[in-house]
Protein backbone atom coordinates (compact mmCIF):
# COMPACT_ATOMS: atom_id res chain seq x y z
CA MET A 1 3.30 -28.52 -18.04
CA ASN A 2 5.24 -25.83 -20.16
CA ILE A 3 6.55 -22.56 -18.91
CA HIS A 4 7.11 -19.81 -21.38
CA CYS A 5 9.76 -17.25 -20.35
CA HIS A 6 10.24 -13.92 -21.92
CA HIS A 7 12.49 -10.86 -21.04
CA PHE A 8 11.23 -9.47 -18.34
CA GLY A 9 8.10 -11.60 -17.51
CA ILE A 10 6.86 -14.90 -16.96
CA MET A 11 3.88 -16.51 -18.96
CA ALA A 12 3.14 -20.05 -17.76
CA ILE A 13 0.36 -22.63 -19.40
CA SER A 14 -0.28 -26.13 -18.48
CA SER A 15 0.26 -28.86 -21.15
CA SER A 16 1.33 -32.62 -21.65
CA SER A 17 3.64 -32.48 -23.98
CA SER A 18 7.37 -32.41 -23.01
CA SER A 19 8.92 -30.90 -26.01
CA LEU A 20 11.27 -27.89 -25.69
CA VAL A 21 10.74 -25.02 -28.30
CA THR A 22 13.24 -21.82 -29.00
CA ASN A 23 12.97 -18.91 -31.12
CA ASN A 24 14.83 -15.69 -31.45
CA ASN A 25 13.22 -13.78 -28.53
CA SER A 26 11.60 -16.88 -26.25
CA SER A 27 12.44 -20.29 -24.95
CA LEU A 28 9.83 -22.92 -24.13
CA PHE A 29 10.44 -25.56 -21.34
CA SER A 30 8.94 -28.44 -20.39
CA VAL A 31 8.71 -29.89 -16.55
CA SER A 32 7.14 -33.14 -16.33
CA ALA A 33 4.61 -33.51 -13.10
CA ARG A 34 1.66 -35.56 -12.32
CA PRO A 35 -1.17 -34.40 -11.87
CA GLN A 36 -0.80 -31.15 -13.82
CA ILE A 37 -2.89 -28.33 -12.59
CA LEU A 38 -1.32 -24.64 -13.35
CA VAL A 39 -2.74 -21.56 -12.12
CA THR A 40 -0.47 -18.25 -13.34
CA SER A 41 -1.03 -14.78 -14.66
CA SER A 42 1.07 -13.08 -17.02
CA LEU A 43 2.27 -9.77 -15.89
CA PRO A 44 3.97 -6.52 -17.57
CA PHE A 45 7.55 -5.23 -17.08
CA MET A 46 9.11 -6.39 -13.36
CA SER A 47 5.99 -7.60 -12.23
CA THR A 48 5.64 -10.58 -9.64
CA THR A 49 4.10 -14.23 -11.13
CA SER A 50 2.46 -16.68 -8.84
CA ILE A 51 2.28 -19.80 -10.03
CA HIS A 52 0.32 -22.74 -8.05
CA PHE A 53 1.27 -26.40 -8.43
CA HIS A 54 -0.98 -29.61 -6.98
CA TYR A 55 1.07 -33.00 -6.86
CA SER A 56 1.04 -35.78 -4.81
CA PRO A 57 3.62 -36.64 -2.29
CA HIS A 58 5.61 -38.76 -4.69
CA ASN A 59 6.81 -36.56 -7.13
CA LYS A 60 7.12 -33.31 -5.03
CA LEU A 61 11.06 -33.77 -4.87
CA HIS A 62 10.88 -34.22 -8.61
CA LEU A 63 8.87 -31.39 -9.23
CA ARG A 64 11.13 -29.13 -7.39
CA GLN A 65 14.34 -30.65 -9.12
CA ARG A 66 12.62 -29.82 -12.51
CA PHE A 67 11.09 -26.37 -11.42
CA ASN A 68 14.48 -25.20 -10.23
CA SER A 69 16.23 -26.53 -13.42
CA VAL A 70 13.75 -24.16 -15.15
CA THR A 71 13.97 -21.12 -13.52
CA LYS A 72 17.85 -21.00 -13.55
CA SER A 73 17.58 -21.13 -17.40
CA CYS A 74 14.95 -18.07 -17.34
CA ASP A 75 17.30 -16.19 -14.71
CA VAL A 76 14.58 -15.33 -12.13
CA ARG A 77 14.39 -15.40 -8.22
CA VAL A 78 12.12 -18.19 -6.89
CA THR A 79 11.15 -18.07 -3.38
CA THR A 80 9.44 -21.15 -1.73
CA LEU A 81 6.56 -19.90 0.10
CA ALA A 82 5.61 -23.40 1.23
CA ILE A 83 6.96 -26.35 -0.97
CA SER A 84 4.13 -28.91 1.35
CA THR A 85 1.36 -26.93 -0.26
CA GLY A 86 3.20 -26.39 -3.81
CA VAL A 87 3.19 -22.63 -3.81
CA GLN A 88 6.02 -20.80 -5.67
CA GLN A 89 6.46 -17.20 -6.05
CA VAL A 90 8.52 -16.26 -9.17
CA LEU A 91 10.18 -12.52 -8.78
CA PRO A 92 11.93 -10.65 -11.50
CA PRO A 93 15.87 -10.42 -11.24
CA PRO A 94 17.44 -7.72 -9.67
CA LEU A 95 19.06 -5.15 -12.17
CA THR A 96 22.60 -4.64 -12.28
CA SER A 97 25.23 -2.46 -14.23
CA THR A 98 24.83 -4.14 -17.44
CA SER A 99 20.72 -3.67 -17.36
CA PRO A 100 19.20 -1.20 -19.85
CA PRO A 101 16.67 1.45 -17.35
CA PRO A 102 12.55 0.97 -18.09
CA SER A 103 10.88 3.74 -19.65
CA LEU A 104 11.33 6.19 -17.29
CA PHE A 105 8.60 8.61 -16.30
CA ASP A 106 6.38 7.11 -18.72
CA GLY A 107 3.28 7.05 -16.48
CA THR A 108 3.93 4.12 -14.98
CA THR A 109 4.60 3.80 -11.26
CA ARG A 110 7.48 1.91 -9.95
CA LEU A 111 8.91 0.61 -6.87
CA TYR A 112 12.72 0.28 -6.86
CA ILE A 113 13.72 -1.87 -4.15
CA SER A 114 16.40 -4.53 -3.33
CA TYR A 115 15.29 -7.73 -1.99
CA LYS A 116 18.10 -7.97 0.85
CA CYS A 117 16.94 -4.66 2.57
CA PRO A 118 14.46 -4.24 5.10
CA TYR A 119 13.59 -0.61 4.59
CA ALA A 120 12.77 -1.72 0.79
CA GLN A 121 10.86 -4.48 2.62
CA ARG A 122 8.77 -2.52 4.22
CA VAL A 123 7.68 -0.33 1.38
CA TRP A 124 6.87 -3.64 -0.74
CA ILE A 125 4.96 -5.36 2.09
CA THR A 126 2.35 -1.91 1.78
CA ARG A 127 1.99 -2.61 -1.65
CA ASN A 128 1.40 -6.06 -1.47
CA THR A 129 -1.15 -5.64 1.53
CA LYS A 130 -3.13 -2.96 -0.43
CA GLY A 131 -3.44 -5.02 -3.34
CA LEU A 132 -1.39 -2.91 -5.90
CA GLN A 133 0.44 -5.60 -7.47
CA ASP A 134 -0.88 -4.34 -10.64
CA LYS A 135 -0.82 -0.75 -9.69
CA ILE A 136 2.87 -0.26 -8.89
CA GLN A 137 5.67 -2.51 -10.74
CA LEU A 138 8.46 -3.90 -8.58
CA VAL A 139 12.21 -3.16 -9.75
CA PRO A 140 14.76 -5.15 -7.52
CA ILE A 141 18.17 -3.46 -8.35
CA ASP A 142 21.25 -5.22 -7.37
CA LEU A 143 22.69 -3.21 -4.34
CA GLN A 144 26.39 -4.89 -4.93
CA ASP A 145 26.24 -3.80 -8.83
CA ARG A 146 24.20 -1.12 -9.37
CA PRO A 147 23.17 0.36 -12.81
CA SER A 148 24.38 3.83 -13.41
CA TRP A 149 21.35 5.08 -14.56
CA TYR A 150 19.56 4.71 -11.62
CA LYS A 151 21.18 7.16 -9.47
CA ASP A 152 22.09 9.58 -12.64
CA LYS A 153 18.21 9.46 -13.73
CA VAL A 154 16.37 8.01 -10.88
CA HIS A 155 17.21 8.72 -7.46
CA PRO A 156 20.49 10.80 -6.96
CA THR A 157 21.28 9.38 -3.26
CA ASN A 158 21.58 6.11 -5.40
CA LYS A 159 19.41 4.21 -2.26
CA VAL A 160 16.80 2.04 -2.01
CA PRO A 161 13.51 2.18 -1.73
CA SER A 162 12.04 4.57 -4.09
CA LEU A 163 8.98 5.16 -5.96
CA GLU A 164 8.53 6.70 -9.41
CA HIS A 165 4.96 8.17 -9.39
CA ASN A 166 3.61 11.09 -11.35
CA ASN A 167 6.69 12.46 -13.01
CA GLU A 168 8.63 12.33 -9.64
CA VAL A 169 10.59 9.90 -7.21
CA ARG A 170 10.29 9.79 -3.56
CA GLY A 171 12.62 8.02 -0.92
CA GLU A 172 12.81 7.12 2.62
CA SER A 173 11.04 4.07 3.72
CA LEU A 174 8.83 5.55 6.35
CA ASP A 175 7.42 8.62 4.38
CA LEU A 176 6.89 6.05 1.37
CA ILE A 177 4.47 3.57 3.12
CA LYS A 178 2.35 6.29 4.62
CA TYR A 179 2.35 8.09 0.87
CA ILE A 180 1.22 4.84 -0.83
CA ASP A 181 -1.33 4.38 1.97
CA THR A 182 -3.07 7.66 0.90
CA HIS A 183 -2.32 8.32 -2.70
CA PHE A 184 -3.36 4.63 -3.85
CA GLU A 185 -6.66 2.54 -3.37
CA GLY A 186 -6.94 -0.47 -1.08
CA PRO A 187 -7.60 -0.67 2.37
CA SER A 188 -6.12 2.00 4.80
CA LEU A 189 -3.59 0.82 7.08
CA TYR A 190 -3.33 3.82 8.81
CA PRO A 191 -5.90 5.21 12.06
CA SER A 192 -7.97 7.85 11.78
CA GLY A 193 -8.68 8.99 15.09
CA HIS A 194 -6.30 11.28 17.06
CA ASP A 195 -5.14 9.14 19.85
CA ASP A 196 -4.75 6.09 17.88
CA LYS A 197 -2.79 8.20 15.06
CA GLU A 198 -0.44 9.68 18.37
CA PHE A 199 0.13 6.50 19.47
CA ALA A 200 1.25 5.08 15.70
CA GLU A 201 3.48 8.01 15.24
CA GLU A 202 5.22 7.29 18.50
CA LEU A 203 5.74 3.68 17.67
CA LEU A 204 7.34 4.64 14.16
CA SER A 205 9.42 7.50 15.66
CA TYR A 206 11.00 4.80 17.94
CA THR A 207 11.66 2.13 14.85
CA ASP A 208 15.13 4.01 14.53
CA THR A 209 15.79 3.90 18.54
CA PHE A 210 14.80 0.17 18.57
CA TYR A 211 17.21 -0.89 15.49
CA LYS A 212 20.01 0.79 16.97
CA THR A 213 19.56 -0.46 20.60
CA VAL A 214 19.49 -3.98 19.26
CA VAL A 215 22.48 -3.77 16.93
CA SER A 216 24.48 -2.17 19.72
CA TYR A 217 24.40 -5.24 21.56
CA PHE A 218 25.31 -7.42 18.78
CA LYS A 219 28.87 -7.62 19.80
CA GLY A 220 28.33 -7.59 23.96
CA ASP A 221 25.86 -8.69 26.43
CA VAL A 222 22.51 -9.40 24.51
CA THR A 223 20.45 -9.33 27.34
CA GLU A 224 21.05 -5.41 27.54
CA ALA A 225 19.29 -5.44 24.02
CA GLY A 226 16.12 -6.94 26.09
CA THR A 227 14.55 -3.60 26.87
CA ALA A 228 14.24 -3.22 23.70
CA PHE A 229 12.20 -5.92 23.46
CA ASP A 230 10.19 -5.37 26.28
CA TYR A 231 9.36 -1.91 25.49
CA LEU A 232 7.29 -3.66 22.52
CA GLU A 233 5.93 -6.11 24.78
CA THR A 234 4.55 -3.35 26.96
CA VAL A 235 2.84 -1.14 23.81
CA LEU A 236 1.44 -4.27 22.36
CA SER A 237 -0.92 -4.42 25.76
CA LYS A 238 -2.51 -1.17 24.80
CA TYR A 239 -4.79 -2.85 22.44
CA ASP A 240 -6.50 -6.20 23.43
CA HIS A 241 -8.74 -6.84 19.99
CA GLY A 242 -5.91 -8.13 17.76
CA PRO A 243 -2.24 -9.29 18.32
CA PHE A 244 -0.60 -6.04 16.23
CA PHE A 245 0.73 -2.62 17.49
CA LEU A 246 -2.65 -0.97 16.96
CA GLY A 247 -4.81 -3.98 17.49
CA GLN A 248 -5.29 -4.27 13.72
CA PHE A 249 -2.44 -5.01 10.96
CA SER A 250 -1.01 -1.49 10.44
CA LEU A 251 1.95 0.50 8.64
CA VAL A 252 3.46 0.18 12.51
CA ASP A 253 3.53 -3.45 12.15
CA ILE A 254 4.95 -3.21 8.59
CA ALA A 255 7.75 -0.97 9.82
CA TYR A 256 8.79 -3.43 12.56
CA ALA A 257 8.45 -6.46 10.55
CA PRO A 258 11.63 -6.50 8.21
CA PHE A 259 13.97 -6.24 11.35
CA MET A 260 12.33 -8.65 13.58
CA GLU A 261 12.60 -11.11 10.94
CA ARG A 262 16.22 -10.67 10.83
CA PHE A 263 16.56 -10.02 14.86
CA GLN A 264 15.06 -13.29 15.89
CA PRO A 265 16.88 -16.00 14.12
CA PHE A 266 20.40 -14.20 14.52
CA LEU A 267 19.78 -13.52 18.37
CA MET A 268 18.96 -17.25 18.07
CA ASP A 269 21.74 -18.53 16.28
CA VAL A 270 24.88 -16.21 17.56
CA LYS A 271 23.29 -15.28 21.34
CA ASN A 272 21.13 -18.18 21.87
CA TYR A 273 18.74 -15.58 23.13
CA ASP A 274 14.89 -16.53 22.62
CA ILE A 275 13.22 -12.86 22.01
CA THR A 276 9.82 -14.64 22.84
CA VAL A 277 10.52 -15.87 26.36
CA GLY A 278 8.45 -14.32 28.52
CA ARG A 279 7.24 -11.85 26.33
CA PRO A 280 3.41 -13.81 25.08
CA ARG A 281 2.78 -10.69 23.27
CA LEU A 282 5.73 -10.21 21.05
CA THR A 283 5.00 -14.07 20.44
CA ALA A 284 1.53 -13.43 19.46
CA TRP A 285 2.54 -10.49 17.07
CA ILE A 286 5.30 -12.42 15.58
CA GLU A 287 2.67 -15.27 14.82
CA GLY A 288 0.20 -12.85 13.60
CA ILE A 289 2.73 -11.00 11.35
CA ASN A 290 3.89 -14.02 9.63
CA ASN A 291 0.13 -14.96 8.52
CA ILE A 292 0.26 -11.66 6.51
CA GLU A 293 -0.13 -12.94 3.22
CA GLY A 294 1.67 -9.44 1.68
CA TYR A 295 4.71 -9.77 4.07
CA LYS A 296 4.80 -14.04 3.50
CA ILE A 297 6.11 -13.27 -0.13
CA THR A 298 8.97 -10.54 0.84
CA ARG A 299 10.14 -13.04 3.66
CA SER A 300 13.94 -14.17 3.11
CA ASP A 301 15.68 -17.44 4.06
CA PRO A 302 16.49 -16.87 8.08
CA LYS A 303 19.67 -19.25 7.22
CA GLU A 304 20.92 -16.03 4.71
CA LEU A 305 19.77 -13.50 6.99
CA VAL A 306 21.74 -14.81 9.71
CA GLU A 307 25.02 -15.10 7.69
CA SER A 308 24.58 -11.74 6.29
CA TYR A 309 24.31 -10.27 9.69
CA LYS A 310 27.17 -12.25 10.61
CA LYS A 311 29.28 -11.00 7.82
CA ARG A 312 28.00 -7.46 8.33
CA PHE A 313 28.20 -7.24 12.27
CA LEU A 314 30.63 -9.68 13.68
CA ALA A 315 33.35 -9.76 11.18
CA ASN A 316 36.74 -8.17 12.03
CA PRO A 317 37.23 -5.08 11.21
């Protein structure tokens, strides 16, 4: 199996050869694995490629080791979605202070994010869920080493997420998920009925309070933060035709998912506090959200999230 790596994208082809070929613009790496079946796609600048491997258990470790060595050479970020099923998600590397800008305002729609930012993750999930991977290009930014052109030419606040669309740049995650839902094709993620829409707005407006309530107790009595999770348990009982806040998956679930992804492992690790105990509806919601494909590919390693939160919230001043 050969993987052909370009500067900003990846094209993969299958082959039985095991050679290494280089030229001025690209390199051809070889990975040995049997049986060899590869399904992939080649996407434009800063897009995402999914690579699917099918292999027997005896060569799983070998394939993982060889593929990791290839991706390190290609300088790309690889998220293992499910190594047991052989699915790898290859994402573009974050742009740094030394990275040149894309061809700004050329008619291409771009979503500027950070892989580590929960607010940016909201918009990333929305893009994926609506099937807009080919319509909205993903442009990850390294927040620790941001390119100067991002602030100077794209988004003066120097924050992510932001969306470049129709020669304009917009920000604020809750505004962006609504904007993408209404201005792009794909399944609607927001209710049309008056009562449902009003309830959705109530839940969206609570997200900031929810975050601040939970975080404020990270250093104190974590059981006090239970009031925020109890509130979610209560509102999840309003609809009985699905595990989500509005019954069916919506922007409301997208707004909460990135923070629950961080709170659950952090509180369990640091406080030995299981947010699902005594909250069956919240448990069902977490199980449901974890099965959403558009969310799965945005998830981070829980251990990395826990360590990040420890440094941010528990480090000595």
